Amino acid sequence: MVVIPAIDLKGGKCVRLTQGQKDAETVFSEDPVDVAKSWEDQGADYLHIVDLDGAFEGVPKNLTIVEQIIKQIKVPIEFGGGLRTTQSIKTMLNLGADRVIVGTKAIDSPSWVDELCKTFPGRIAVGIDAKNGKVAVKGWTSLCEWTSVDFAREIEKASPCALIFTDISKDGMLQGPNISSLKELLLAVKTPVIASGGISSLKDIEALSRLPIAGMIIGKALYTGHIKLSEAKRLCDSLRFGHR
């Protein structure tokens, strides 16, 4: 169980959106590189970095910052946001990302994901962002016909290294994760699942730790101080080793 701090990039800054809405933005830092260093100093084992501008516009826009982060920290990162061509994925992996996350293009072309997973084994994760059970794409601005469970079953055939599940209605709300949707997804697939969205307390972490997930991404709660990274890691470790 890995606790993964999130760094969302927009306009060169570290921000958090509420339910993925462009106009519901809170800036937490003008220096995302410094934020990444801070999470590393606090014991992060992995970082989740999303280029929100890239997600909205269809092509990564904050690569210079991501490259600086990769160069200045030792913690591996996963990166998503606007990766809709094979070349953009090659670019990110060559920059030093441990793995990349594809979403919108995965919906349009599962065969492309299959090709990616064969070309870059173990380095392609698929983001499943759900709203009312349907998968959202293009920076969460539109819904498609796939349900999250049906899409997960379909894309699992490509053998991605992980599925990153986010309930949009919970994201940035500090109201707890969607446990029931996670359980449904976990029953449907064998691919490792990473949970994201709404994690706001140690109680939430304890509830998620009872599920067979590979990790959890925490954003707003870490930035507001609702959760301390060290406490989250300690709790996960204690539950993992069977003592409190």
C-alpha atoms as a PDB file:
ATOM      1  CA  MET A   1       0.000   0.000   0.000  1.00  0.00           C
ATOM      2  CA  VAL A   2       1.699   3.161  -1.214  1.00  0.00           C
ATOM      3  CA  VAL A   3       0.564   6.620  -0.107  1.00  0.00           C
ATOM      4  CA  ILE A   4       1.150   8.909  -3.091  1.00  0.00           C
ATOM      5  CA  PRO A   5       1.070  12.723  -2.809  1.00  0.00           C
ATOM      6  CA  ALA A   6      -0.463  14.467  -5.812  1.00  0.00           C
ATOM      7  CA  ILE A   7       1.000  17.490  -7.568  1.00  0.00           C
ATOM      8  CA  ASP A   8      -1.409  19.105 -10.023  1.00  0.00           C
ATOM      9  CA  LEU A   9       0.136  21.630 -12.407  1.00  0.00           C
ATOM     10  CA  LYS A  10      -1.757  24.528 -13.946  1.00  0.00           C
ATOM     11  CA  GLY A  11      -0.170  27.655 -15.347  1.00  0.00           C
ATOM     12  CA  GLY A  12       3.169  26.596 -13.890  1.00  0.00           C
ATOM     13  CA  LYS A  13       1.760  26.482 -10.350  1.00  0.00           C
ATOM     14  CA  CYS A  14       0.805  23.723  -7.927  1.00  0.00           C
ATOM     15  CA  VAL A  15      -2.983  23.843  -7.632  1.00  0.00           C
ATOM     16  CA  ARG A  16      -5.982  21.788  -6.587  1.00  0.00           C
ATOM     17  CA  LEU A  17      -9.303  21.831  -8.378  1.00  0.00           C
ATOM     18  CA  THR A  18     -12.632  21.003  -6.787  1.00  0.00           C
ATOM     19  CA  GLN A  19     -14.380  18.184  -8.678  1.00  0.00           C
ATOM     20  CA  GLY A  20     -12.041  18.892 -11.594  1.00  0.00           C
ATOM     21  CA  GLN A  21     -13.667  22.252 -12.395  1.00  0.00           C
ATOM     22  CA  LYS A  22     -11.383  24.707 -14.167  1.00  0.00           C
ATOM     23  CA  ASP A  23     -12.801  27.721 -12.342  1.00  0.00           C
ATOM     24  CA  ALA A  24     -12.666  26.071  -8.901  1.00  0.00           C
ATOM     25  CA  GLU A  25      -8.917  26.412  -8.453  1.00  0.00           C
ATOM     26  CA  THR A  26      -6.857  26.880  -5.301  1.00  0.00           C
ATOM     27  CA  VAL A  27      -3.176  27.724  -5.726  1.00  0.00           C
ATOM     28  CA  PHE A  28      -1.069  26.009  -3.071  1.00  0.00           C
ATOM     29  CA  SER A  29       2.370  26.949  -4.349  1.00  0.00           C
ATOM     30  CA  GLU A  30       4.040  29.026  -7.040  1.00  0.00           C
ATOM     31  CA  ASP A  31       6.943  26.551  -7.022  1.00  0.00           C
ATOM     32  CA  PRO A  32       5.952  22.949  -7.834  1.00  0.00           C
ATOM     33  CA  VAL A  33       9.597  21.830  -7.725  1.00  0.00           C
ATOM     34  CA  ASP A  34       9.831  22.973  -4.128  1.00  0.00           C
ATOM     35  CA  VAL A  35       6.598  21.113  -3.366  1.00  0.00           C
ATOM     36  CA  ALA A  36       8.028  17.907  -4.833  1.00  0.00           C
ATOM     37  CA  LYS A  37      11.178  18.301  -2.739  1.00  0.00           C
ATOM     38  CA  SER A  38       9.026  18.830   0.347  1.00  0.00           C
ATOM     39  CA  TRP A  39       7.087  15.596  -0.214  1.00  0.00           C
ATOM     40  CA  GLU A  40      10.350  13.761  -0.752  1.00  0.00           C
ATOM     41  CA  ASP A  41      11.745  15.215   2.481  1.00  0.00           C
ATOM     42  CA  GLN A  42       8.613  14.068   4.318  1.00  0.00           C
ATOM     43  CA  GLY A  43       9.133  10.498   3.194  1.00  0.00           C
ATOM     44  CA  ALA A  44       7.100  10.119   0.009  1.00  0.00           C
ATOM     45  CA  ASP A  45       7.984   6.950  -1.892  1.00  0.00           C
ATOM     46  CA  TYR A  46       6.240   7.990  -5.096  1.00  0.00           C
ATOM     47  CA  LEU A  47       4.666  11.134  -6.612  1.00  0.00           C
ATOM     48  CA  HIS A  48       1.601  11.540  -8.818  1.00  0.00           C
ATOM     49  CA  ILE A  49       1.964  14.508 -11.171  1.00  0.00           C
ATOM     50  CA  VAL A  50      -0.814  15.726 -13.455  1.00  0.00           C
ATOM     51  CA  ASP A  51      -0.576  18.443 -16.090  1.00  0.00           C
ATOM     52  CA  LEU A  52      -4.069  19.949 -15.884  1.00  0.00           C
ATOM     53  CA  ASP A  53      -3.397  22.303 -18.777  1.00  0.00           C
ATOM     54  CA  GLY A  54      -2.402  19.263 -20.810  1.00  0.00           C
ATOM     55  CA  ALA A  55      -5.554  17.397 -19.812  1.00  0.00           C
ATOM     56  CA  PHE A  56      -7.751  20.287 -20.934  1.00  0.00           C
ATOM     57  CA  GLU A  57      -5.817  21.099 -24.124  1.00  0.00           C
ATOM     58  CA  GLY A  58      -4.784  17.630 -25.255  1.00  0.00           C
ATOM     59  CA  VAL A  59      -1.015  18.107 -25.135  1.00  0.00           C
ATOM     60  CA  PRO A  60       1.339  18.465 -22.114  1.00  0.00           C
ATOM     61  CA  LYS A  61       2.039  22.114 -21.260  1.00  0.00           C
ATOM     62  CA  ASN A  62       4.206  21.963 -18.135  1.00  0.00           C
ATOM     63  CA  LEU A  63       7.006  19.640 -19.256  1.00  0.00           C
ATOM     64  CA  THR A  64       9.800  22.028 -18.243  1.00  0.00           C
ATOM     65  CA  ILE A  65       8.592  21.948 -14.638  1.00  0.00           C
ATOM     66  CA  VAL A  66       8.164  18.178 -14.686  1.00  0.00           C
ATOM     67  CA  GLU A  67      11.685  17.767 -16.035  1.00  0.00           C
ATOM     68  CA  GLN A  68      13.033  19.981 -13.235  1.00  0.00           C
ATOM     69  CA  ILE A  69      11.177  17.895 -10.649  1.00  0.00           C
ATOM     70  CA  ILE A  70      12.575  14.649 -12.052  1.00  0.00           C
ATOM     71  CA  LYS A  71      16.110  16.049 -12.056  1.00  0.00           C
ATOM     72  CA  GLN A  72      15.960  17.404  -8.511  1.00  0.00           C
ATOM     73  CA  ILE A  73      14.368  14.523  -6.606  1.00  0.00           C
ATOM     74  CA  LYS A  74      15.127  10.826  -6.301  1.00  0.00           C
ATOM     75  CA  VAL A  75      11.539   9.709  -5.760  1.00  0.00           C
ATOM     76  CA  PRO A  76       9.982   8.083  -8.850  1.00  0.00           C
ATOM     77  CA  ILE A  77       6.986   9.792 -10.440  1.00  0.00           C
ATOM     78  CA  GLU A  78       3.982   8.874 -12.508  1.00  0.00           C
ATOM     79  CA  PHE A  79       2.755  11.510 -14.942  1.00  0.00           C
ATOM     80  CA  GLY A  80      -0.522  12.147 -16.726  1.00  0.00           C
ATOM     81  CA  GLY A  81      -2.344  14.924 -18.534  1.00  0.00           C
ATOM     82  CA  GLY A  82      -2.577  15.349 -22.291  1.00  0.00           C
ATOM     83  CA  LEU A  83      -0.661  12.208 -23.244  1.00  0.00           C
ATOM     84  CA  ARG A  84      -2.515  11.283 -26.407  1.00  0.00           C
ATOM     85  CA  THR A  85       0.282  10.325 -28.791  1.00  0.00           C
ATOM     86  CA  THR A  86       2.973   7.666 -28.681  1.00  0.00           C
ATOM     87  CA  GLN A  87       5.608  10.358 -29.145  1.00  0.00           C
ATOM     88  CA  SER A  88       4.447  12.344 -26.094  1.00  0.00           C
ATOM     89  CA  ILE A  89       4.667   9.169 -24.028  1.00  0.00           C
ATOM     90  CA  LYS A  90       8.178   8.426 -25.311  1.00  0.00           C
ATOM     91  CA  THR A  91       9.148  11.990 -24.423  1.00  0.00           C
ATOM     92  CA  MET A  92       7.891  11.621 -20.843  1.00  0.00           C
ATOM     93  CA  LEU A  93       9.568   8.275 -20.292  1.00  0.00           C
ATOM     94  CA  ASN A  94      12.810   9.618 -21.757  1.00  0.00           C
ATOM     95  CA  LEU A  95      12.599  12.561 -19.344  1.00  0.00           C
ATOM     96  CA  GLY A  96      12.679  10.032 -16.516  1.00  0.00           C
ATOM     97  CA  ALA A  97       9.072   9.373 -15.513  1.00  0.00           C
ATOM     98  CA  ASP A  98       8.721   5.938 -13.940  1.00  0.00           C
ATOM     99  CA  ARG A  99       5.375   5.439 -15.643  1.00  0.00           C
ATOM    100  CA  VAL A 100       2.787   7.444 -17.553  1.00  0.00           C
ATOM    101  CA  ILE A 101      -0.985   7.611 -17.283  1.00  0.00           C
ATOM    102  CA  VAL A 102      -3.259   7.595 -20.305  1.00  0.00           C
ATOM    103  CA  GLY A 103      -6.952   8.369 -20.127  1.00  0.00           C
ATOM    104  CA  THR A 104      -8.871  10.123 -22.896  1.00  0.00           C
ATOM    105  CA  LYS A 105      -7.070   8.422 -25.782  1.00  0.00           C
ATOM    106  CA  ALA A 106      -7.441   5.062 -24.036  1.00  0.00           C
ATOM    107  CA  ILE A 107     -11.205   5.427 -24.312  1.00  0.00           C
ATOM    108  CA  ASP A 108     -11.018   6.281 -28.013  1.00  0.00           C
ATOM    109  CA  SER A 109      -8.468   3.622 -28.874  1.00  0.00           C
ATOM    110  CA  PRO A 110      -7.971   0.605 -26.587  1.00  0.00           C
ATOM    111  CA  SER A 111      -5.824  -0.977 -29.321  1.00  0.00           C
ATOM    112  CA  TRP A 112      -3.389   1.921 -28.932  1.00  0.00           C
ATOM    113  CA  VAL A 113      -3.071   1.143 -25.226  1.00  0.00           C
ATOM    114  CA  ASP A 114      -2.418  -2.491 -26.090  1.00  0.00           C
ATOM    115  CA  GLU A 115       0.406  -1.390 -28.387  1.00  0.00           C
ATOM    116  CA  LEU A 116       1.826   0.925 -25.705  1.00  0.00           C
ATOM    117  CA  CYS A 117       1.794  -1.788 -23.058  1.00  0.00           C
ATOM    118  CA  LYS A 118       3.701  -4.108 -25.359  1.00  0.00           C
ATOM    119  CA  THR A 119       6.225  -1.395 -26.276  1.00  0.00           C
ATOM    120  CA  PHE A 120       6.670  -0.082 -22.714  1.00  0.00           C
ATOM    121  CA  PRO A 121       5.824  -3.047 -20.441  1.00  0.00           C
ATOM    122  CA  GLY A 122       5.174  -2.119 -16.832  1.00  0.00           C
ATOM    123  CA  ARG A 123       5.212   1.611 -17.544  1.00  0.00           C
ATOM    124  CA  ILE A 124       1.702   2.341 -18.802  1.00  0.00           C
ATOM    125  CA  ALA A 125      -1.097   3.019 -16.315  1.00  0.00           C
ATOM    126  CA  VAL A 126      -4.655   3.827 -17.298  1.00  0.00           C
ATOM    127  CA  GLY A 127      -6.650   6.524 -15.547  1.00  0.00           C
ATOM    128  CA  ILE A 128     -10.334   5.797 -15.010  1.00  0.00           C
ATOM    129  CA  ASP A 129     -12.066   8.990 -13.944  1.00  0.00           C
ATOM    130  CA  ALA A 130     -15.705   8.364 -13.123  1.00  0.00           C
ATOM    131  CA  LYS A 131     -18.753  10.540 -12.582  1.00  0.00           C
ATOM    132  CA  ASN A 132     -22.105   8.922 -11.791  1.00  0.00           C
ATOM    133  CA  GLY A 133     -20.640   5.615 -12.907  1.00  0.00           C
ATOM    134  CA  LYS A 134     -19.603   6.896 -16.367  1.00  0.00           C
ATOM    135  CA  VAL A 135     -16.029   7.538 -17.528  1.00  0.00           C
ATOM    136  CA  ALA A 136     -15.077  11.207 -17.964  1.00  0.00           C
ATOM    137  CA  VAL A 137     -12.554  12.397 -20.559  1.00  0.00           C
ATOM    138  CA  LYS A 138     -10.844  15.557 -21.881  1.00  0.00           C
ATOM    139  CA  GLY A 139      -9.915  16.902 -18.478  1.00  0.00           C
ATOM    140  CA  TRP A 140     -13.205  15.645 -17.004  1.00  0.00           C
ATOM    141  CA  THR A 141     -15.177  18.009 -19.252  1.00  0.00           C
ATOM    142  CA  SER A 142     -17.302  15.320 -20.933  1.00  0.00           C
ATOM    143  CA  LEU A 143     -18.693  11.870 -20.213  1.00  0.00           C
ATOM    144  CA  CYS A 144     -18.578   8.884 -22.531  1.00  0.00           C
ATOM    145  CA  GLU A 145     -20.876   5.865 -22.769  1.00  0.00           C
ATOM    146  CA  TRP A 146     -18.502   3.470 -20.993  1.00  0.00           C
ATOM    147  CA  THR A 147     -19.214   2.660 -17.368  1.00  0.00           C
ATOM    148  CA  SER A 148     -16.061   2.604 -15.273  1.00  0.00           C
ATOM    149  CA  VAL A 149     -16.388  -1.132 -14.611  1.00  0.00           C
ATOM    150  CA  ASP A 150     -17.004  -2.092 -18.244  1.00  0.00           C
ATOM    151  CA  PHE A 151     -14.119   0.058 -19.427  1.00  0.00           C
ATOM    152  CA  ALA A 152     -11.833  -1.413 -16.752  1.00  0.00           C
ATOM    153  CA  ARG A 153     -12.665  -4.919 -17.928  1.00  0.00           C
ATOM    154  CA  GLU A 154     -11.990  -3.969 -21.542  1.00  0.00           C
ATOM    155  CA  ILE A 155      -8.734  -2.080 -20.982  1.00  0.00           C
ATOM    156  CA  GLU A 156      -7.389  -4.779 -18.659  1.00  0.00           C
ATOM    157  CA  LYS A 157      -6.950  -6.915 -21.780  1.00  0.00           C
ATOM    158  CA  ALA A 158      -4.047  -4.623 -22.754  1.00  0.00           C
ATOM    159  CA  SER A 159      -2.206  -5.491 -19.495  1.00  0.00           C
ATOM    160  CA  PRO A 160      -1.563  -1.998 -18.077  1.00  0.00           C
ATOM    161  CA  CYS A 161       0.590  -1.923 -14.941  1.00  0.00           C
ATOM    162  CA  ALA A 162      -2.150  -0.198 -12.928  1.00  0.00           C
ATOM    163  CA  LEU A 163      -5.612   1.341 -13.052  1.00  0.00           C
ATOM    164  CA  ILE A 164      -5.919   4.697 -11.329  1.00  0.00           C
ATOM    165  CA  PHE A 165      -9.527   5.176 -10.262  1.00  0.00           C
ATOM    166  CA  THR A 166     -10.834   8.635  -9.392  1.00  0.00           C
ATOM    167  CA  ASP A 167     -14.377   9.478  -8.405  1.00  0.00           C
ATOM    168  CA  ILE A 168     -14.720  13.035  -9.706  1.00  0.00           C
ATOM    169  CA  SER A 169     -17.633  13.887  -7.420  1.00  0.00           C
ATOM    170  CA  LYS A 170     -15.346  13.207  -4.457  1.00  0.00           C
ATOM    171  CA  ASP A 171     -12.182  14.866  -5.754  1.00  0.00           C
ATOM    172  CA  GLY A 172     -11.154  17.906  -3.716  1.00  0.00           C
ATOM    173  CA  MET A 173     -14.273  17.717  -1.560  1.00  0.00           C
ATOM    174  CA  LEU A 174     -12.656  16.224   1.584  1.00  0.00           C
ATOM    175  CA  GLN A 175     -15.747  14.076   2.062  1.00  0.00           C
ATOM    176  CA  GLY A 176     -14.213  10.610   1.862  1.00  0.00           C
ATOM    177  CA  PRO A 177     -13.610   8.221  -1.042  1.00  0.00           C
ATOM    178  CA  ASN A 178     -16.273   6.246  -2.898  1.00  0.00           C
ATOM    179  CA  ILE A 179     -15.735   2.875  -1.236  1.00  0.00           C
ATOM    180  CA  SER A 180     -18.667   1.130  -2.935  1.00  0.00           C
ATOM    181  CA  SER A 181     -17.469   2.042  -6.437  1.00  0.00           C
ATOM    182  CA  LEU A 182     -13.965   0.903  -5.568  1.00  0.00           C
ATOM    183  CA  LYS A 183     -15.260  -2.447  -4.317  1.00  0.00           C
ATOM    184  CA  GLU A 184     -17.206  -2.925  -7.533  1.00  0.00           C
ATOM    185  CA  LEU A 185     -14.139  -2.169  -9.620  1.00  0.00           C
ATOM    186  CA  LEU A 186     -11.877  -4.428  -7.570  1.00  0.00           C
ATOM    187  CA  LEU A 187     -14.278  -7.337  -8.046  1.00  0.00           C
ATOM    188  CA  ALA A 188     -14.219  -6.786 -11.803  1.00  0.00           C
ATOM    189  CA  VAL A 189     -10.455  -6.743 -12.490  1.00  0.00           C
ATOM    190  CA  LYS A 190      -7.183  -8.315 -11.434  1.00  0.00           C
ATOM    191  CA  THR A 191      -4.973  -5.378 -12.465  1.00  0.00           C
ATOM    192  CA  PRO A 192      -3.574  -3.395  -9.489  1.00  0.00           C
ATOM    193  CA  VAL A 193      -5.892  -0.499  -8.606  1.00  0.00           C
ATOM    194  CA  ILE A 194      -4.810   2.833  -7.124  1.00  0.00           C
ATOM    195  CA  ALA A 195      -7.545   4.875  -5.452  1.00  0.00           C
ATOM    196  CA  SER A 196      -7.908   8.638  -5.764  1.00  0.00           C
ATOM    197  CA  GLY A 197     -10.453  11.267  -4.823  1.00  0.00           C
ATOM    198  CA  GLY A 198     -11.935  12.428  -1.534  1.00  0.00           C
ATOM    199  CA  ILE A 199      -9.402  10.926   0.882  1.00  0.00           C
ATOM    200  CA  SER A 200      -9.576  13.360   3.767  1.00  0.00           C
ATOM    201  CA  SER A 201      -8.704  11.640   7.047  1.00  0.00           C
ATOM    202  CA  LEU A 202      -6.825   8.794   8.677  1.00  0.00           C
ATOM    203  CA  LYS A 203     -10.209   7.106   9.008  1.00  0.00           C
ATOM    204  CA  ASP A 204     -10.523   7.148   5.213  1.00  0.00           C
ATOM    205  CA  ILE A 205      -7.049   5.670   4.904  1.00  0.00           C
ATOM    206  CA  GLU A 206      -7.928   2.912   7.341  1.00  0.00           C
ATOM    207  CA  ALA A 207     -11.092   2.103   5.350  1.00  0.00           C
ATOM    208  CA  LEU A 208      -9.140   1.975   2.081  1.00  0.00           C
ATOM    209  CA  SER A 209      -6.458  -0.180   3.664  1.00  0.00           C
ATOM    210  CA  ARG A 210      -9.062  -2.911   4.148  1.00  0.00           C
ATOM    211  CA  LEU A 211      -9.450  -3.121   0.368  1.00  0.00           C
ATOM    212  CA  PRO A 212      -6.984  -4.954  -1.901  1.00  0.00           C
ATOM    213  CA  ILE A 213      -5.707  -1.788  -3.547  1.00  0.00           C
ATOM    214  CA  ALA A 214      -2.105  -1.104  -4.550  1.00  0.00           C
ATOM    215  CA  GLY A 215      -2.031   2.467  -3.304  1.00  0.00           C
ATOM    216  CA  MET A 216      -3.875   5.712  -2.726  1.00  0.00           C
ATOM    217  CA  ILE A 217      -3.322   9.188  -4.135  1.00  0.00           C
ATOM    218  CA  ILE A 218      -3.915  12.044  -1.720  1.00  0.00           C
ATOM    219  CA  GLY A 219      -4.092  15.666  -2.796  1.00  0.00           C
ATOM    220  CA  LYS A 220      -6.023  18.412  -1.055  1.00  0.00           C
ATOM    221  CA  ALA A 221      -6.010  16.784   2.390  1.00  0.00           C
ATOM    222  CA  LEU A 222      -2.205  16.843   2.462  1.00  0.00           C
ATOM    223  CA  TYR A 223      -2.053  20.477   1.372  1.00  0.00           C
ATOM    224  CA  THR A 224      -4.629  21.651   3.905  1.00  0.00           C
ATOM    225  CA  GLY A 225      -3.115  19.637   6.744  1.00  0.00           C
ATOM    226  CA  HIS A 226      -6.133  17.377   7.240  1.00  0.00           C
ATOM    227  CA  ILE A 227      -3.664  14.506   6.775  1.00  0.00           C
ATOM    228  CA  LYS A 228       0.049  14.445   7.509  1.00  0.00           C
ATOM    229  CA  LEU A 229       2.039  12.270   5.138  1.00  0.00           C
ATOM    230  CA  SER A 230       4.095  10.731   7.949  1.00  0.00           C
ATOM    231  CA  GLU A 231       0.937   9.734   9.861  1.00  0.00           C
ATOM    232  CA  ALA A 232      -0.664   8.292   6.722  1.00  0.00           C
ATOM    233  CA  LYS A 233       2.400   6.183   5.986  1.00  0.00           C
ATOM    234  CA  ARG A 234       2.664   5.028   9.590  1.00  0.00           C
ATOM    235  CA  LEU A 235      -0.989   3.974   9.636  1.00  0.00           C
ATOM    236  CA  CYS A 236      -0.676   2.037   6.368  1.00  0.00           C
ATOM    237  CA  ASP A 237       2.433   0.285   7.638  1.00  0.00           C
ATOM    238  CA  SER A 238       0.787  -0.668  10.923  1.00  0.00           C
ATOM    239  CA  LEU A 239      -2.267  -2.092   9.170  1.00  0.00           C
ATOM    240  CA  ARG A 240      -0.116  -3.900   6.659  1.00  0.00           C
ATOM    241  CA  PHE A 241       1.879  -5.627   9.368  1.00  0.00           C
ATOM    242  CA  GLY A 242      -1.199  -6.457  11.401  1.00  0.00           C
ATOM    243  CA  HIS A 243      -0.835  -4.236  14.431  1.00  0.00           C
ATOM    244  CA  ARG A 244      -2.068  -0.819  15.552  1.00  0.00           C
END
